[in-house]
């Protein structure tokens, strides 16, 4: 496996997607192709951005990481909306939110270290 795939934030994002995807079968069809699909696509975009950031030069990394941070904040809103619309139950919401918070801390550290370089 490529070394960049072994970075913790990539692994955590990858696991977030697998967890989210695992909840899909419990979602009603009417919800699966609207907010659920948008949220799923956003998680995939975050994974893609993290993957990209692991390969590009330090000078190009910061804009990608900042864009990823914005997407992660949007993801928090969408996950909360899924819970409030009762598409996700509280226990699943908490599992996802905990993972998103951890990814956010990791991403914040990466942004901080990139700015310091």
N, C-alpha and C. Protein backbone atom coordinates (compact mmCIF):
# COMPACT_ATOMS: atom_id res chain seq x y z
N UNK A 1 0.84 -1.19 0.00
CA UNK A 1 0.00 0.00 0.00
C UNK A 1 0.88 1.25 0.00
N UNK A 2 0.43 2.26 -0.65
CA UNK A 2 1.17 3.52 -0.71
C UNK A 2 1.26 4.12 0.70
N UNK A 3 2.44 4.65 1.05
CA UNK A 3 2.65 5.20 2.39
C UNK A 3 1.65 6.29 2.74
N UNK A 4 1.27 7.10 1.76
CA UNK A 4 0.34 8.20 2.03
C UNK A 4 -1.03 7.69 2.49
N UNK A 5 -1.37 6.47 2.11
CA UNK A 5 -2.64 5.91 2.55
C UNK A 5 -2.60 5.47 4.00
N UNK A 6 -1.41 5.44 4.57
CA UNK A 6 -1.27 5.04 5.96
C UNK A 6 -1.35 6.22 6.93
N UNK A 7 -1.59 7.42 6.41
CA UNK A 7 -1.68 8.55 7.32
C UNK A 7 -2.99 8.47 8.10
N UNK A 8 -2.94 8.79 9.38
CA UNK A 8 -4.11 8.62 10.26
C UNK A 8 -5.37 9.34 9.78
N UNK A 9 -5.25 10.56 9.28
CA UNK A 9 -6.45 11.29 8.86
C UNK A 9 -7.10 10.62 7.66
N UNK A 10 -6.31 10.05 6.77
CA UNK A 10 -6.88 9.32 5.64
C UNK A 10 -7.62 8.08 6.13
N UNK A 11 -6.98 7.33 7.02
CA UNK A 11 -7.61 6.13 7.57
C UNK A 11 -8.92 6.47 8.28
N UNK A 12 -8.90 7.54 9.07
CA UNK A 12 -10.10 7.93 9.82
C UNK A 12 -11.23 8.35 8.86
N UNK A 13 -10.90 9.07 7.82
CA UNK A 13 -11.90 9.49 6.83
C UNK A 13 -12.45 8.29 6.08
N UNK A 14 -11.59 7.38 5.76
CA UNK A 14 -11.96 6.14 5.07
C UNK A 14 -12.94 5.33 5.93
N UNK A 15 -12.63 5.23 7.21
CA UNK A 15 -13.50 4.52 8.15
C UNK A 15 -14.83 5.24 8.33
N UNK A 16 -14.79 6.57 8.32
CA UNK A 16 -16.03 7.36 8.41
C UNK A 16 -16.95 7.00 7.26
N UNK A 17 -16.40 6.95 6.06
CA UNK A 17 -17.23 6.60 4.90
C UNK A 17 -17.81 5.20 5.05
N UNK A 18 -17.00 4.25 5.45
CA UNK A 18 -17.49 2.88 5.60
C UNK A 18 -18.61 2.80 6.64
N UNK A 19 -18.48 3.54 7.71
CA UNK A 19 -19.53 3.58 8.74
C UNK A 19 -20.79 4.20 8.16
N UNK A 20 -20.65 5.34 7.51
CA UNK A 20 -21.79 6.03 6.92
C UNK A 20 -22.48 5.14 5.89
N UNK A 21 -21.70 4.51 5.05
CA UNK A 21 -22.24 3.62 4.02
C UNK A 21 -23.00 2.45 4.66
N UNK A 22 -22.50 1.96 5.76
CA UNK A 22 -23.17 0.86 6.46
C UNK A 22 -24.55 1.21 6.97
N UNK A 23 -24.80 2.48 7.19
CA UNK A 23 -26.12 2.92 7.67
C UNK A 23 -27.12 3.08 6.54
N UNK A 24 -26.67 3.03 5.32
CA UNK A 24 -27.48 3.34 4.14
C UNK A 24 -28.74 2.47 4.00
N UNK A 25 -28.62 1.19 4.29
CA UNK A 25 -29.76 0.28 4.12
C UNK A 25 -30.93 0.60 5.06
N UNK A 26 -30.65 1.33 6.12
CA UNK A 26 -31.71 1.69 7.07
C UNK A 26 -32.39 3.01 6.70
N UNK A 27 -31.99 3.60 5.59
CA UNK A 27 -32.53 4.89 5.18
C UNK A 27 -33.64 4.67 4.15
N UNK A 28 -34.74 5.37 4.33
CA UNK A 28 -35.84 5.26 3.39
C UNK A 28 -35.41 5.74 2.01
N UNK A 29 -35.99 5.13 1.00
CA UNK A 29 -35.65 5.46 -0.39
C UNK A 29 -35.80 6.96 -0.67
N UNK A 30 -36.87 7.57 -0.15
CA UNK A 30 -37.12 8.99 -0.40
C UNK A 30 -36.00 9.87 0.16
N UNK A 31 -35.34 9.41 1.22
CA UNK A 31 -34.26 10.18 1.84
C UNK A 31 -32.90 9.82 1.26
N UNK A 32 -32.78 8.62 0.75
CA UNK A 32 -31.49 8.09 0.28
C UNK A 32 -30.94 8.86 -0.91
N UNK A 33 -31.82 9.40 -1.73
CA UNK A 33 -31.37 10.05 -2.97
C UNK A 33 -31.41 11.56 -2.90
N UNK A 34 -31.50 12.09 -1.71
CA UNK A 34 -31.49 13.55 -1.56
C UNK A 34 -30.36 13.94 -0.61
N UNK A 35 -30.71 14.30 0.60
CA UNK A 35 -29.72 14.74 1.58
C UNK A 35 -28.69 13.65 1.87
N UNK A 36 -29.13 12.41 1.92
CA UNK A 36 -28.20 11.30 2.20
C UNK A 36 -27.13 11.23 1.12
N UNK A 37 -27.55 11.29 -0.14
CA UNK A 37 -26.59 11.20 -1.25
C UNK A 37 -25.64 12.39 -1.24
N UNK A 38 -26.15 13.58 -0.96
CA UNK A 38 -25.30 14.77 -0.89
C UNK A 38 -24.26 14.61 0.21
N UNK A 39 -24.67 14.09 1.34
CA UNK A 39 -23.75 13.89 2.47
C UNK A 39 -22.70 12.83 2.12
N UNK A 40 -23.13 11.76 1.50
CA UNK A 40 -22.21 10.71 1.09
C UNK A 40 -21.17 11.26 0.10
N UNK A 41 -21.61 12.04 -0.86
CA UNK A 41 -20.69 12.64 -1.84
C UNK A 41 -19.70 13.57 -1.15
N UNK A 42 -20.15 14.29 -0.16
CA UNK A 42 -19.28 15.21 0.57
C UNK A 42 -18.18 14.44 1.32
N UNK A 43 -18.53 13.33 1.92
CA UNK A 43 -17.52 12.51 2.59
C UNK A 43 -16.49 12.03 1.57
N UNK A 44 -16.95 11.60 0.42
CA UNK A 44 -16.03 11.14 -0.63
C UNK A 44 -15.12 12.27 -1.11
N UNK A 45 -15.65 13.48 -1.22
CA UNK A 45 -14.84 14.63 -1.60
C UNK A 45 -13.77 14.92 -0.55
N UNK A 46 -14.12 14.78 0.71
CA UNK A 46 -13.16 15.00 1.80
C UNK A 46 -12.04 13.97 1.71
N UNK A 47 -12.39 12.72 1.48
CA UNK A 47 -11.37 11.67 1.32
C UNK A 47 -10.46 12.01 0.13
N UNK A 48 -11.07 12.41 -0.96
CA UNK A 48 -10.31 12.76 -2.16
C UNK A 48 -9.36 13.93 -1.90
N UNK A 49 -9.83 14.95 -1.18
CA UNK A 49 -8.98 16.10 -0.88
C UNK A 49 -7.82 15.72 0.05
N UNK A 50 -8.08 14.88 1.02
CA UNK A 50 -7.02 14.43 1.92
C UNK A 50 -5.98 13.63 1.14
N UNK A 51 -6.45 12.79 0.27
CA UNK A 51 -5.55 12.00 -0.58
C UNK A 51 -4.70 12.93 -1.44
N UNK A 52 -5.34 13.92 -2.06
CA UNK A 52 -4.63 14.88 -2.90
C UNK A 52 -3.59 15.63 -2.08
N UNK A 53 -3.98 16.11 -0.91
CA UNK A 53 -3.07 16.89 -0.06
C UNK A 53 -1.84 16.09 0.36
N UNK A 54 -1.98 14.79 0.44
CA UNK A 54 -0.85 13.97 0.85
C UNK A 54 0.20 13.84 -0.26
N UNK A 55 -0.16 14.18 -1.48
CA UNK A 55 0.75 14.05 -2.61
C UNK A 55 1.34 15.36 -3.12
N UNK A 56 0.69 16.47 -2.87
CA UNK A 56 1.12 17.73 -3.48
C UNK A 56 2.18 18.42 -2.62
N UNK A 57 2.83 19.40 -3.21
CA UNK A 57 3.90 20.13 -2.52
C UNK A 57 3.32 20.96 -1.38
N UNK A 58 4.18 21.29 -0.44
CA UNK A 58 3.74 22.08 0.72
C UNK A 58 3.15 23.42 0.30
N UNK A 59 3.70 24.02 -0.74
CA UNK A 59 3.20 25.33 -1.16
C UNK A 59 1.77 25.25 -1.72
N UNK A 60 1.39 24.10 -2.26
CA UNK A 60 0.04 23.93 -2.81
C UNK A 60 -0.92 23.29 -1.82
N UNK A 61 -0.40 22.80 -0.72
CA UNK A 61 -1.19 22.02 0.23
C UNK A 61 -2.22 22.84 1.01
N UNK A 62 -1.83 24.03 1.44
CA UNK A 62 -2.69 24.83 2.31
C UNK A 62 -4.07 25.12 1.71
N UNK A 63 -4.17 25.57 0.46
CA UNK A 63 -5.52 25.82 -0.09
C UNK A 63 -6.39 24.56 -0.13
N UNK A 64 -5.79 23.42 -0.40
CA UNK A 64 -6.55 22.16 -0.43
C UNK A 64 -7.03 21.82 0.98
N UNK A 65 -6.16 21.97 1.96
CA UNK A 65 -6.54 21.66 3.35
C UNK A 65 -7.61 22.62 3.85
N UNK A 66 -7.51 23.89 3.50
CA UNK A 66 -8.53 24.85 3.92
C UNK A 66 -9.88 24.55 3.27
N UNK A 67 -9.86 24.17 2.00
CA UNK A 67 -11.10 23.78 1.31
C UNK A 67 -11.70 22.53 1.98
N UNK A 68 -10.84 21.61 2.36
CA UNK A 68 -11.30 20.40 3.04
C UNK A 68 -11.93 20.74 4.38
N UNK A 69 -11.37 21.70 5.07
CA UNK A 69 -11.92 22.14 6.36
C UNK A 69 -13.33 22.71 6.19
N UNK A 70 -13.53 23.48 5.14
CA UNK A 70 -14.87 24.02 4.86
C UNK A 70 -15.85 22.88 4.57
N UNK A 71 -15.40 21.91 3.79
CA UNK A 71 -16.26 20.76 3.48
C UNK A 71 -16.59 19.97 4.74
N UNK A 72 -15.62 19.85 5.64
CA UNK A 72 -15.86 19.12 6.88
C UNK A 72 -16.89 19.85 7.74
N UNK A 73 -16.82 21.17 7.77
CA UNK A 73 -17.83 21.95 8.51
C UNK A 73 -19.21 21.79 7.88
N UNK A 74 -19.27 21.75 6.56
CA UNK A 74 -20.55 21.50 5.88
C UNK A 74 -21.07 20.11 6.22
N UNK A 75 -20.16 19.15 6.28
CA UNK A 75 -20.55 17.79 6.63
C UNK A 75 -21.19 17.74 8.02
N UNK A 76 -20.64 18.48 8.96
CA UNK A 76 -21.22 18.53 10.31
C UNK A 76 -22.67 19.00 10.25
N UNK A 77 -22.92 20.01 9.45
CA UNK A 77 -24.28 20.56 9.31
C UNK A 77 -25.21 19.51 8.71
N UNK A 78 -24.76 18.85 7.66
CA UNK A 78 -25.60 17.84 7.00
C UNK A 78 -25.89 16.65 7.92
N UNK A 79 -24.89 16.22 8.68
CA UNK A 79 -25.09 15.10 9.61
C UNK A 79 -26.10 15.50 10.69
N UNK A 80 -25.98 16.73 11.19
CA UNK A 80 -26.94 17.21 12.19
C UNK A 80 -28.34 17.28 11.59
N UNK A 81 -28.45 17.72 10.35
CA UNK A 81 -29.74 17.78 9.67
C UNK A 81 -30.34 16.38 9.50
N UNK A 82 -29.50 15.42 9.15
CA UNK A 82 -29.98 14.03 9.04
C UNK A 82 -30.56 13.55 10.37
N UNK A 83 -29.92 13.95 11.47
CA UNK A 83 -30.43 13.55 12.79
C UNK A 83 -31.74 14.27 13.09
N UNK A 84 -31.79 15.56 12.83
CA UNK A 84 -32.99 16.33 13.15
C UNK A 84 -34.19 15.91 12.31
N UNK A 85 -33.94 15.43 11.11
CA UNK A 85 -35.02 14.93 10.26
C UNK A 85 -35.36 13.47 10.55
N UNK A 86 -34.66 12.92 11.53
CA UNK A 86 -34.87 11.54 11.99
C UNK A 86 -34.51 10.51 10.91
N UNK A 87 -33.61 10.90 10.02
CA UNK A 87 -33.08 9.96 9.03
C UNK A 87 -31.99 9.13 9.70
N UNK A 88 -31.29 9.75 10.64
CA UNK A 88 -30.29 9.06 11.46
C UNK A 88 -30.76 9.08 12.90
N UNK A 89 -30.61 7.97 13.60
CA UNK A 89 -30.96 7.99 15.02
C UNK A 89 -29.79 8.58 15.83
N UNK A 90 -30.05 8.87 17.09
CA UNK A 90 -29.06 9.55 17.92
C UNK A 90 -27.75 8.77 18.07
N UNK A 91 -27.83 7.46 18.23
CA UNK A 91 -26.61 6.68 18.43
C UNK A 91 -25.72 6.71 17.18
N UNK A 92 -26.31 6.60 16.01
CA UNK A 92 -25.54 6.67 14.77
C UNK A 92 -24.98 8.08 14.57
N UNK A 93 -25.78 9.07 14.89
CA UNK A 93 -25.34 10.46 14.79
C UNK A 93 -24.10 10.68 15.67
N UNK A 94 -24.13 10.19 16.90
CA UNK A 94 -23.01 10.39 17.81
C UNK A 94 -21.75 9.70 17.31
N UNK A 95 -21.90 8.52 16.75
CA UNK A 95 -20.74 7.80 16.19
C UNK A 95 -20.12 8.61 15.06
N UNK A 96 -20.96 9.10 14.15
CA UNK A 96 -20.46 9.88 13.02
C UNK A 96 -19.86 11.20 13.49
N UNK A 97 -20.53 11.86 14.41
CA UNK A 97 -20.07 13.16 14.89
C UNK A 97 -18.72 13.04 15.60
N UNK A 98 -18.54 11.98 16.35
CA UNK A 98 -17.26 11.76 17.03
C UNK A 98 -16.13 11.58 16.01
N UNK A 99 -16.38 10.82 14.96
CA UNK A 99 -15.38 10.62 13.92
C UNK A 99 -15.08 11.93 13.19
N UNK A 100 -16.12 12.70 12.89
CA UNK A 100 -15.93 13.98 12.20
C UNK A 100 -15.13 14.94 13.08
N UNK A 101 -15.42 14.97 14.38
CA UNK A 101 -14.66 15.83 15.29
C UNK A 101 -13.19 15.44 15.33
N UNK A 102 -12.91 14.15 15.34
CA UNK A 102 -11.53 13.69 15.36
C UNK A 102 -10.81 14.05 14.05
N UNK A 103 -11.50 13.88 12.94
CA UNK A 103 -10.92 14.28 11.65
C UNK A 103 -10.66 15.79 11.64
N UNK A 104 -11.58 16.54 12.21
CA UNK A 104 -11.41 18.00 12.30
C UNK A 104 -10.18 18.39 13.11
N UNK A 105 -9.95 17.70 14.22
CA UNK A 105 -8.76 17.98 15.03
C UNK A 105 -7.49 17.65 14.24
N UNK A 106 -7.52 16.51 13.56
CA UNK A 106 -6.36 16.11 12.76
C UNK A 106 -6.11 17.11 11.63
N UNK A 107 -7.17 17.52 10.98
CA UNK A 107 -7.06 18.46 9.87
C UNK A 107 -6.56 19.82 10.37
N UNK A 108 -7.07 20.25 11.51
CA UNK A 108 -6.60 21.51 12.10
C UNK A 108 -5.11 21.47 12.40
N UNK A 109 -4.64 20.36 12.92
CA UNK A 109 -3.21 20.20 13.19
C UNK A 109 -2.39 20.22 11.92
N UNK A 110 -2.91 19.59 10.88
CA UNK A 110 -2.21 19.55 9.59
C UNK A 110 -2.13 20.95 8.99
N UNK A 111 -3.24 21.69 9.08
CA UNK A 111 -3.26 23.07 8.56
C UNK A 111 -2.26 23.92 9.35
N UNK A 112 -2.26 23.79 10.65
CA UNK A 112 -1.36 24.57 11.51
C UNK A 112 0.10 24.27 11.18
N UNK A 113 0.43 23.00 11.03
CA UNK A 113 1.82 22.64 10.72
C UNK A 113 2.21 23.08 9.31
N UNK A 114 1.26 23.09 8.39
CA UNK A 114 1.55 23.54 7.02
C UNK A 114 1.78 25.04 6.99
N UNK A 115 1.02 25.79 7.78
CA UNK A 115 1.19 27.24 7.85
C UNK A 115 2.54 27.59 8.47
N UNK A 116 2.96 26.80 9.46
CA UNK A 116 4.22 27.06 10.17
C UNK A 116 5.44 26.76 9.30
N UNK A 117 5.25 25.96 8.27
CA UNK A 117 6.40 25.56 7.42
C UNK A 117 6.84 26.67 6.51
